[in-house]
Structure formats: structure tokens, C-alpha cells
Amino acid sequence: MRRGTYGFDAPWPFAGLIAGAAVLLSLTVVSFAFDVAPAGVAFLLGGLYTLASALSYAYTTRRGKFAVWERELDDLDGGEHVLDLGCGRGAVLMTAAKRLSEGRATGLDLWEAEDRTGNRAAAARANARAEGVADRVDLVAGDMRALPFASGAFDVVVSSLALHDIAAAQGRAEGVREAYRVLAPGGRLLIADFQRTEEYEAVLRDLGAANVRRRNLGWRFWYGGPWSATWMVEAAKRSD
């Protein structure tokens, strides 16, 4: 049971899907009213398809992504130090923190006072309190391309739908290299994104990371359909 408030991922695309479905279904009614059956059938199919995409988007942002991350983090033993890059309101951060007993969960973000999601720092703090994990959560302001942490400081580093916000390919590569740098030997890196995941995988292979793979996270993490699927890039840091 989630007690925090995590908002709605990128609401404008979702609103566009809803508006598109409404327009297409309205045109369906008009087409059949004027006895233009072929057009009515086409608009009906298009409207239902767009509505299904909107439902997929809503499911992912409200339930699906949480279920996926719960599965991905289920093997935490409770003593790890976990870092969430671009944590926002803390959806993944709190999922990790709930699985920790002696460890700590650190969330890093730019914490812009005014951005498209509002004051995320205040929201993340409120969510940590609501979820009952404030005693094991730290929030740090910082840039993913230059992390303010020592090398090898974290057992697990995660990131969800954040790295693609860095506009330049060089910057995204720096973010991946920094995530790998602060990972302890034997530690695990998990980066979920719907864009640029091939880039992340290539950077990790160049770094010599172990067990690098890229996998589709399935329908629970679709933002509208399989064409906007979320992929996981995972790797481990060699201990030799």
C-alpha cells in the first residue's frame, strides 16, 4: 500500500491521448449519423485504439511502474546503501527504502524550485514521511554528470526515466560513467528508460562492467503501447 503522492508522469502526452480519443469517437458518431459507415468504422477503431493507449499510460504511471520496481528491488537484503539518480518525488527511492533495515536510500535530483512537476524536493520529503521511511532516506541536490559522492559509495545505483532528460549524448554518457564510478565493487546498477538505453549499454560495456544486458520491462511499463516501452539496462561492477 503506497501512502505517498507521486503525481502523474508527463501529464500532457496523456491528455493528448484522451483528447485524441474523444475527437475520434465524436467523429464516429457524426459519420454514422450521416450514414458514412466506412468512415465511422475507421474512426471507431482509431478512437478505441487511442483510448486503449491512454489506459495503458494511466496504468503505468499509477500502478505498473511501481510493480516493476518492486520486483527489481525485491532481492535487497536490507543493509545496502542505495542511490536513486533523478529521484523526483521518490517513487523508486521509497520502494528501495522500504526494503532497508540497516541501510540507507539516497535520492539525488536538481531540485529546481519551479519545474514541470512542482517542488519535488518538498514532495519527496513528504512522501518519505508518509511511507514511514524518513529515518533512512537522504535527499541531495546535485547533477548526475558530476555526483557529489566518493567512488564506490553505494551498493546499488538506480535511475528511472531520468537520464534521457540530459540533452547532449556526451552528458548522458557522463551520467552513466558517474553512476558506475560511485558503485561499490560487486554492486549493481539499474537504469530504466524509454529512450537512449542503447547508449547507456554501450557506455557500460566500454567501462568494462560485468553482466551488462538490456531488457524490455514489459507491458506494465508501457507509456501507451509497445512503441513506448521502457527498457532496463543493468550491470555489475567488477570486484577484481
C-alpha atoms as a PDB file:
ATOM      1  CA  MET A   1       0.000   0.000   0.000  1.00  0.00           C
ATOM      2  CA  ARG A   2       1.510   3.306  -1.112  1.00  0.00           C
ATOM      3  CA  ARG A   3       0.874   6.246   1.176  1.00  0.00           C
ATOM      4  CA  GLY A   4       2.866   8.855  -0.710  1.00  0.00           C
ATOM      5  CA  THR A   5       1.729  11.106  -3.539  1.00  0.00           C
ATOM      6  CA  TYR A   6       3.820  10.651  -6.682  1.00  0.00           C
ATOM      7  CA  GLY A   7       1.979  12.657  -9.283  1.00  0.00           C
ATOM      8  CA  PHE A   8       1.348  11.699 -12.888  1.00  0.00           C
ATOM      9  CA  ASP A   9       4.216  11.106 -15.295  1.00  0.00           C
ATOM     10  CA  ALA A  10       4.324  13.733 -18.086  1.00  0.00           C
ATOM     11  CA  PRO A  11       0.577  14.541 -17.995  1.00  0.00           C
ATOM     12  CA  TRP A  12       0.489  16.405 -21.312  1.00  0.00           C
ATOM     13  CA  PRO A  13       1.040  13.342 -23.541  1.00  0.00           C
ATOM     14  CA  PHE A  14      -1.648  11.541 -21.557  1.00  0.00           C
ATOM     15  CA  ALA A  15      -4.013  14.479 -22.005  1.00  0.00           C
ATOM     16  CA  GLY A  16      -3.258  14.372 -25.724  1.00  0.00           C
ATOM     17  CA  LEU A  17      -4.259  10.709 -25.899  1.00  0.00           C
ATOM     18  CA  ILE A  18      -7.522  11.406 -24.076  1.00  0.00           C
ATOM     19  CA  ALA A  19      -8.294  14.363 -26.336  1.00  0.00           C
ATOM     20  CA  GLY A  20      -7.453  12.335 -29.431  1.00  0.00           C
ATOM     21  CA  ALA A  21      -9.745   9.507 -28.361  1.00  0.00           C
ATOM     22  CA  ALA A  22     -12.566  11.972 -27.678  1.00  0.00           C
ATOM     23  CA  VAL A  23     -12.208  13.575 -31.116  1.00  0.00           C
ATOM     24  CA  LEU A  24     -12.110  10.240 -32.947  1.00  0.00           C
ATOM     25  CA  LEU A  25     -15.120   8.862 -31.084  1.00  0.00           C
ATOM     26  CA  SER A  26     -17.028  12.103 -31.769  1.00  0.00           C
ATOM     27  CA  LEU A  27     -16.247  11.751 -35.455  1.00  0.00           C
ATOM     28  CA  THR A  28     -17.517   8.176 -35.241  1.00  0.00           C
ATOM     29  CA  VAL A  29     -20.902   9.422 -34.069  1.00  0.00           C
ATOM     30  CA  VAL A  30     -21.026  12.095 -36.767  1.00  0.00           C
ATOM     31  CA  SER A  31     -20.044   9.617 -39.502  1.00  0.00           C
ATOM     32  CA  PHE A  32     -22.747   7.137 -38.581  1.00  0.00           C
ATOM     33  CA  ALA A  33     -25.295   9.944 -38.182  1.00  0.00           C
ATOM     34  CA  PHE A  34     -24.626  10.979 -41.793  1.00  0.00           C
ATOM     35  CA  ASP A  35     -24.622   7.331 -42.932  1.00  0.00           C
ATOM     36  CA  VAL A  36     -20.925   7.265 -43.836  1.00  0.00           C
ATOM     37  CA  ALA A  37     -20.300   3.808 -42.409  1.00  0.00           C
ATOM     38  CA  PRO A  38     -16.735   3.174 -43.692  1.00  0.00           C
ATOM     39  CA  ALA A  39     -15.516   6.415 -42.126  1.00  0.00           C
ATOM     40  CA  GLY A  40     -17.445   5.634 -38.946  1.00  0.00           C
ATOM     41  CA  VAL A  41     -15.783   2.237 -38.613  1.00  0.00           C
ATOM     42  CA  ALA A  42     -12.344   3.753 -39.213  1.00  0.00           C
ATOM     43  CA  PHE A  43     -12.903   6.498 -36.638  1.00  0.00           C
ATOM     44  CA  LEU A  44     -14.296   3.969 -34.157  1.00  0.00           C
ATOM     45  CA  LEU A  45     -11.271   1.698 -34.445  1.00  0.00           C
ATOM     46  CA  GLY A  46      -8.923   4.668 -34.177  1.00  0.00           C
ATOM     47  CA  GLY A  47     -10.766   6.018 -31.143  1.00  0.00           C
ATOM     48  CA  LEU A  48     -10.753   2.684 -29.327  1.00  0.00           C
ATOM     49  CA  TYR A  49      -7.074   2.190 -30.087  1.00  0.00           C
ATOM     50  CA  THR A  50      -6.211   5.668 -28.784  1.00  0.00           C
ATOM     51  CA  LEU A  51      -8.346   5.133 -25.691  1.00  0.00           C
ATOM     52  CA  ALA A  52      -6.557   1.836 -25.019  1.00  0.00           C
ATOM     53  CA  SER A  53      -3.242   3.688 -25.290  1.00  0.00           C
ATOM     54  CA  ALA A  54      -4.441   6.249 -22.750  1.00  0.00           C
ATOM     55  CA  LEU A  55      -5.481   3.476 -20.353  1.00  0.00           C
ATOM     56  CA  SER A  56      -2.070   1.836 -20.751  1.00  0.00           C
ATOM     57  CA  TYR A  57      -0.370   5.153 -19.974  1.00  0.00           C
ATOM     58  CA  ALA A  58      -2.539   5.714 -16.893  1.00  0.00           C
ATOM     59  CA  TYR A  59      -1.921   2.186 -15.609  1.00  0.00           C
ATOM     60  CA  THR A  60       1.855   2.517 -15.949  1.00  0.00           C
ATOM     61  CA  THR A  61       2.099   5.845 -14.172  1.00  0.00           C
ATOM     62  CA  ARG A  62      -0.256   4.885 -11.330  1.00  0.00           C
ATOM     63  CA  ARG A  63       0.469   1.181 -10.781  1.00  0.00           C
ATOM     64  CA  GLY A  64       2.596  -0.593 -13.356  1.00  0.00           C
ATOM     65  CA  LYS A  65       5.939   1.117 -12.792  1.00  0.00           C
ATOM     66  CA  PHE A  66       5.654   0.528  -9.035  1.00  0.00           C
ATOM     67  CA  ALA A  67       5.048  -3.187  -9.569  1.00  0.00           C
ATOM     68  CA  VAL A  68       8.079  -3.425 -11.854  1.00  0.00           C
ATOM     69  CA  TRP A  69      10.416  -1.646  -9.448  1.00  0.00           C
ATOM     70  CA  GLU A  70       9.150  -3.702  -6.516  1.00  0.00           C
ATOM     71  CA  ARG A  71      10.135  -6.810  -8.456  1.00  0.00           C
ATOM     72  CA  GLU A  72      13.514  -5.385  -9.418  1.00  0.00           C
ATOM     73  CA  LEU A  73      14.391  -4.459  -5.822  1.00  0.00           C
ATOM     74  CA  ASP A  74      12.959  -7.481  -4.041  1.00  0.00           C
ATOM     75  CA  ASP A  75      16.406  -9.031  -3.580  1.00  0.00           C
ATOM     76  CA  LEU A  76      17.731  -6.224  -1.358  1.00  0.00           C
ATOM     77  CA  ASP A  77      18.836  -7.754   1.940  1.00  0.00           C
ATOM     78  CA  GLY A  78      18.262  -4.587   3.984  1.00  0.00           C
ATOM     79  CA  GLY A  79      21.797  -3.430   4.636  1.00  0.00           C
ATOM     80  CA  GLU A  80      22.623  -1.769   1.319  1.00  0.00           C
ATOM     81  CA  HIS A  81      23.340   1.845   0.563  1.00  0.00           C
ATOM     82  CA  VAL A  82      21.133   2.690  -2.421  1.00  0.00           C
ATOM     83  CA  LEU A  83      21.358   5.742  -4.675  1.00  0.00           C
ATOM     84  CA  ASP A  84      18.468   6.890  -6.879  1.00  0.00           C
ATOM     85  CA  LEU A  85      19.562   9.280  -9.632  1.00  0.00           C
ATOM     86  CA  GLY A  86      16.928  11.815 -10.694  1.00  0.00           C
ATOM     87  CA  CYS A  87      14.612  10.587  -7.965  1.00  0.00           C
ATOM     88  CA  GLY A  88      11.930  13.278  -8.372  1.00  0.00           C
ATOM     89  CA  ARG A  89       9.102  12.721  -5.901  1.00  0.00           C
ATOM     90  CA  GLY A  90      10.691   9.463  -4.804  1.00  0.00           C
ATOM     91  CA  ALA A  91       8.646   6.647  -6.340  1.00  0.00           C
ATOM     92  CA  VAL A  92      11.666   4.352  -6.739  1.00  0.00           C
ATOM     93  CA  LEU A  93      13.533   5.818  -3.774  1.00  0.00           C
ATOM     94  CA  MET A  94      10.742   4.919  -1.341  1.00  0.00           C
ATOM     95  CA  THR A  95      10.355   1.479  -2.901  1.00  0.00           C
ATOM     96  CA  ALA A  96      14.013   0.841  -2.098  1.00  0.00           C
ATOM     97  CA  ALA A  97      13.868   2.433   1.352  1.00  0.00           C
ATOM     98  CA  LYS A  98      11.005   0.178   2.436  1.00  0.00           C
ATOM     99  CA  ARG A  99      13.293  -2.811   1.872  1.00  0.00           C
ATOM    100  CA  LEU A 100      16.108  -1.459   4.016  1.00  0.00           C
ATOM    101  CA  SER A 101      16.573  -2.105   7.697  1.00  0.00           C
ATOM    102  CA  GLU A 102      20.153  -1.029   8.402  1.00  0.00           C
ATOM    103  CA  GLY A 103      20.970   0.541   5.043  1.00  0.00           C
ATOM    104  CA  ARG A 104      20.156   3.976   3.641  1.00  0.00           C
ATOM    105  CA  ALA A 105      18.495   5.264   0.481  1.00  0.00           C
ATOM    106  CA  THR A 106      19.828   8.476  -1.047  1.00  0.00           C
ATOM    107  CA  GLY A 107      17.899  10.405  -3.670  1.00  0.00           C
ATOM    108  CA  LEU A 108      19.643  12.908  -5.932  1.00  0.00           C
ATOM    109  CA  ASP A 109      17.969  15.477  -8.143  1.00  0.00           C
ATOM    110  CA  LEU A 110      18.468  19.051  -9.295  1.00  0.00           C
ATOM    111  CA  TRP A 111      15.585  20.091  -7.022  1.00  0.00           C
ATOM    112  CA  GLU A 112      14.584  23.056  -9.141  1.00  0.00           C
ATOM    113  CA  ALA A 113      12.185  25.239  -7.182  1.00  0.00           C
ATOM    114  CA  GLU A 114       9.884  25.593 -10.175  1.00  0.00           C
ATOM    115  CA  ASP A 115       9.733  22.929 -12.842  1.00  0.00           C
ATOM    116  CA  ARG A 116       7.160  20.863 -14.671  1.00  0.00           C
ATOM    117  CA  THR A 117       6.464  18.709 -11.596  1.00  0.00           C
ATOM    118  CA  GLY A 118       6.399  21.437  -8.948  1.00  0.00           C
ATOM    119  CA  ASN A 119       8.620  21.471  -5.878  1.00  0.00           C
ATOM    120  CA  ARG A 120       9.797  17.878  -5.982  1.00  0.00           C
ATOM    121  CA  ALA A 121      12.146  18.181  -3.008  1.00  0.00           C
ATOM    122  CA  ALA A 122       9.288  19.062  -0.672  1.00  0.00           C
ATOM    123  CA  ALA A 123       7.154  16.320  -2.231  1.00  0.00           C
ATOM    124  CA  ALA A 124       9.921  13.734  -1.766  1.00  0.00           C
ATOM    125  CA  ARG A 125      10.345  14.684   1.904  1.00  0.00           C
ATOM    126  CA  ALA A 126       6.594  14.462   2.455  1.00  0.00           C
ATOM    127  CA  ASN A 127       6.485  11.062   0.750  1.00  0.00           C
ATOM    128  CA  ALA A 128       9.336   9.749   2.907  1.00  0.00           C
ATOM    129  CA  ARG A 129       7.347  10.727   5.998  1.00  0.00           C
ATOM    130  CA  ALA A 130       4.113   9.293   4.627  1.00  0.00           C
ATOM    131  CA  GLU A 131       5.784   5.976   3.781  1.00  0.00           C
ATOM    132  CA  GLY A 132       7.415   5.786   7.215  1.00  0.00           C
ATOM    133  CA  VAL A 133      10.992   5.728   5.876  1.00  0.00           C
ATOM    134  CA  ALA A 134      12.186   9.264   6.621  1.00  0.00           C
ATOM    135  CA  ASP A 135      14.741   7.895   9.085  1.00  0.00           C
ATOM    136  CA  ARG A 136      16.607   6.054   6.307  1.00  0.00           C
ATOM    137  CA  VAL A 137      16.213   8.485   3.379  1.00  0.00           C
ATOM    138  CA  ASP A 138      18.600  11.286   2.421  1.00  0.00           C
ATOM    139  CA  LEU A 139      17.903  13.896  -0.272  1.00  0.00           C
ATOM    140  CA  VAL A 140      20.850  15.514  -2.019  1.00  0.00           C
ATOM    141  CA  ALA A 141      20.919  18.298  -4.597  1.00  0.00           C
ATOM    142  CA  GLY A 142      23.259  17.508  -7.444  1.00  0.00           C
ATOM    143  CA  ASP A 143      23.898  16.880 -11.116  1.00  0.00           C
ATOM    144  CA  MET A 144      24.021  13.312 -12.413  1.00  0.00           C
ATOM    145  CA  ARG A 145      27.013  14.287 -14.556  1.00  0.00           C
ATOM    146  CA  ALA A 146      29.144  15.213 -11.513  1.00  0.00           C
ATOM    147  CA  LEU A 147      27.982  13.268  -8.475  1.00  0.00           C
ATOM    148  CA  PRO A 148      28.985  14.643  -5.054  1.00  0.00           C
ATOM    149  CA  PHE A 149      29.871  11.197  -3.701  1.00  0.00           C
ATOM    150  CA  ALA A 150      33.059   9.199  -3.225  1.00  0.00           C
ATOM    151  CA  SER A 151      33.881   6.378  -5.612  1.00  0.00           C
ATOM    152  CA  GLY A 152      32.391   3.064  -4.515  1.00  0.00           C
ATOM    153  CA  ALA A 153      29.998   4.682  -2.020  1.00  0.00           C
ATOM    154  CA  PHE A 154      26.856   2.726  -2.978  1.00  0.00           C
ATOM    155  CA  ASP A 155      25.937  -0.943  -3.221  1.00  0.00           C
ATOM    156  CA  VAL A 156      23.062  -0.307  -5.617  1.00  0.00           C
ATOM    157  CA  VAL A 157      22.530   2.605  -8.007  1.00  0.00           C
ATOM    158  CA  VAL A 158      19.168   3.017  -9.735  1.00  0.00           C
ATOM    159  CA  SER A 159      17.615   5.539 -12.085  1.00  0.00           C
ATOM    160  CA  SER A 160      14.151   5.656 -13.619  1.00  0.00           C
ATOM    161  CA  LEU A 161      13.212   7.808 -16.613  1.00  0.00           C
ATOM    162  CA  ALA A 162      15.768  10.475 -15.754  1.00  0.00           C
ATOM    163  CA  LEU A 163      18.931  10.196 -17.845  1.00  0.00           C
ATOM    164  CA  HIS A 164      17.160  10.947 -21.118  1.00  0.00           C
ATOM    165  CA  ASP A 165      16.422  14.455 -19.785  1.00  0.00           C
ATOM    166  CA  ILE A 166      20.097  15.314 -20.309  1.00  0.00           C
ATOM    167  CA  ALA A 167      20.041  16.835 -23.790  1.00  0.00           C
ATOM    168  CA  ALA A 168      23.552  16.013 -25.038  1.00  0.00           C
ATOM    169  CA  ALA A 169      24.810  12.489 -25.684  1.00  0.00           C
ATOM    170  CA  GLN A 170      28.098  13.384 -24.004  1.00  0.00           C
ATOM    171  CA  GLY A 171      26.226  14.473 -20.892  1.00  0.00           C
ATOM    172  CA  ARG A 172      24.226  11.247 -20.776  1.00  0.00           C
ATOM    173  CA  ALA A 173      27.435   9.266 -21.094  1.00  0.00           C
ATOM    174  CA  GLU A 174      28.934  11.264 -18.216  1.00  0.00           C
ATOM    175  CA  GLY A 175      25.873  10.415 -16.133  1.00  0.00           C
ATOM    176  CA  VAL A 176      26.319   6.691 -16.775  1.00  0.00           C
ATOM    177  CA  ARG A 177      30.053   6.862 -16.032  1.00  0.00           C
ATOM    178  CA  GLU A 178      29.383   8.712 -12.780  1.00  0.00           C
ATOM    179  CA  ALA A 179      26.758   6.140 -11.753  1.00  0.00           C
ATOM    180  CA  TYR A 180      29.311   3.399 -12.347  1.00  0.00           C
ATOM    181  CA  ARG A 181      32.052   5.298 -10.503  1.00  0.00           C
ATOM    182  CA  VAL A 182      30.080   5.587  -7.258  1.00  0.00           C
ATOM    183  CA  LEU A 183      29.074   1.922  -7.408  1.00  0.00           C
ATOM    184  CA  ALA A 184      30.953  -0.352  -4.999  1.00  0.00           C
ATOM    185  CA  PRO A 185      32.811  -3.398  -6.369  1.00  0.00           C
ATOM    186  CA  GLY A 186      30.255  -6.158  -6.770  1.00  0.00           C
ATOM    187  CA  GLY A 187      27.450  -3.581  -6.730  1.00  0.00           C
ATOM    188  CA  ARG A 188      24.512  -3.429  -9.123  1.00  0.00           C
ATOM    189  CA  LEU A 189      23.393  -0.677 -11.495  1.00  0.00           C
ATOM    190  CA  LEU A 190      19.804  -0.483 -12.810  1.00  0.00           C
ATOM    191  CA  ILE A 191      18.776   2.192 -15.327  1.00  0.00           C
ATOM    192  CA  ALA A 192      15.192   2.183 -16.619  1.00  0.00           C
ATOM    193  CA  ASP A 193      14.309   4.464 -19.519  1.00  0.00           C
ATOM    194  CA  PHE A 194      12.228   4.596 -22.690  1.00  0.00           C
ATOM    195  CA  GLN A 195      14.910   6.403 -24.687  1.00  0.00           C
ATOM    196  CA  ARG A 196      18.676   6.156 -25.213  1.00  0.00           C
ATOM    197  CA  THR A 197      19.103   2.813 -23.470  1.00  0.00           C
ATOM    198  CA  GLU A 198      21.382   1.525 -26.239  1.00  0.00           C
ATOM    199  CA  GLU A 199      23.704   4.428 -25.410  1.00  0.00           C
ATOM    200  CA  TYR A 200      23.793   3.511 -21.736  1.00  0.00           C
ATOM    201  CA  GLU A 201      24.541  -0.102 -22.548  1.00  0.00           C
ATOM    202  CA  ALA A 202      27.412   0.871 -24.848  1.00  0.00           C
ATOM    203  CA  VAL A 203      28.993   3.139 -22.230  1.00  0.00           C
ATOM    204  CA  LEU A 204      28.866   0.391 -19.609  1.00  0.00           C
ATOM    205  CA  ARG A 205      30.472  -2.106 -21.970  1.00  0.00           C
ATOM    206  CA  ASP A 206      33.249   0.394 -22.705  1.00  0.00           C
ATOM    207  CA  LEU A 207      33.797   0.759 -18.950  1.00  0.00           C
ATOM    208  CA  GLY A 208      34.278  -2.988 -18.634  1.00  0.00           C
ATOM    209  CA  ALA A 209      31.212  -3.531 -16.462  1.00  0.00           C
ATOM    210  CA  ALA A 210      30.166  -7.102 -15.766  1.00  0.00           C
ATOM    211  CA  ASN A 211      26.883  -8.784 -16.705  1.00  0.00           C
ATOM    212  CA  VAL A 212      25.712  -5.918 -18.905  1.00  0.00           C
ATOM    213  CA  ARG A 213      22.339  -6.513 -20.500  1.00  0.00           C
ATOM    214  CA  ARG A 214      19.373  -4.580 -21.820  1.00  0.00           C
ATOM    215  CA  ARG A 215      15.863  -5.974 -21.455  1.00  0.00           C
ATOM    216  CA  ASN A 216      12.288  -4.921 -22.103  1.00  0.00           C
ATOM    217  CA  LEU A 217      10.340  -4.397 -18.874  1.00  0.00           C
ATOM    218  CA  GLY A 218       7.063  -5.463 -20.431  1.00  0.00           C
ATOM    219  CA  TRP A 219       3.516  -4.156 -20.642  1.00  0.00           C
ATOM    220  CA  ARG A 220       3.411  -2.837 -17.081  1.00  0.00           C
ATOM    221  CA  PHE A 221       5.891  -0.136 -18.122  1.00  0.00           C
ATOM    222  CA  TRP A 222       4.350   0.877 -21.452  1.00  0.00           C
ATOM    223  CA  TYR A 223       3.526   4.562 -21.832  1.00  0.00           C
ATOM    224  CA  GLY A 224       0.673   3.976 -24.252  1.00  0.00           C
ATOM    225  CA  GLY A 225       1.799   0.844 -26.021  1.00  0.00           C
ATOM    226  CA  PRO A 226       4.767  -1.305 -27.061  1.00  0.00           C
ATOM    227  CA  TRP A 227       6.169   1.516 -29.215  1.00  0.00           C
ATOM    228  CA  SER A 228       6.875   3.434 -25.988  1.00  0.00           C
ATOM    229  CA  ALA A 229       8.128   0.557 -23.876  1.00  0.00           C
ATOM    230  CA  THR A 230      10.558   1.072 -21.017  1.00  0.00           C
ATOM    231  CA  TRP A 231      13.839  -0.842 -21.078  1.00  0.00           C
ATOM    232  CA  MET A 232      16.153  -1.774 -18.245  1.00  0.00           C
ATOM    233  CA  VAL A 233      19.912  -1.572 -18.599  1.00  0.00           C
ATOM    234  CA  GLU A 234      21.627  -3.445 -15.814  1.00  0.00           C
ATOM    235  CA  ALA A 235      25.247  -4.112 -14.959  1.00  0.00           C
ATOM    236  CA  ALA A 236      27.515  -5.045 -12.084  1.00  0.00           C
ATOM    237  CA  LYS A 237      30.840  -3.548 -11.058  1.00  0.00           C
ATOM    238  CA  ARG A 238      33.727  -5.954 -11.235  1.00  0.00           C
ATOM    239  CA  SER A 239      35.358  -6.704  -7.913  1.00  0.00           C
ATOM    240  CA  ASP A 240      38.766  -7.630  -9.347  1.00  0.00           C
END
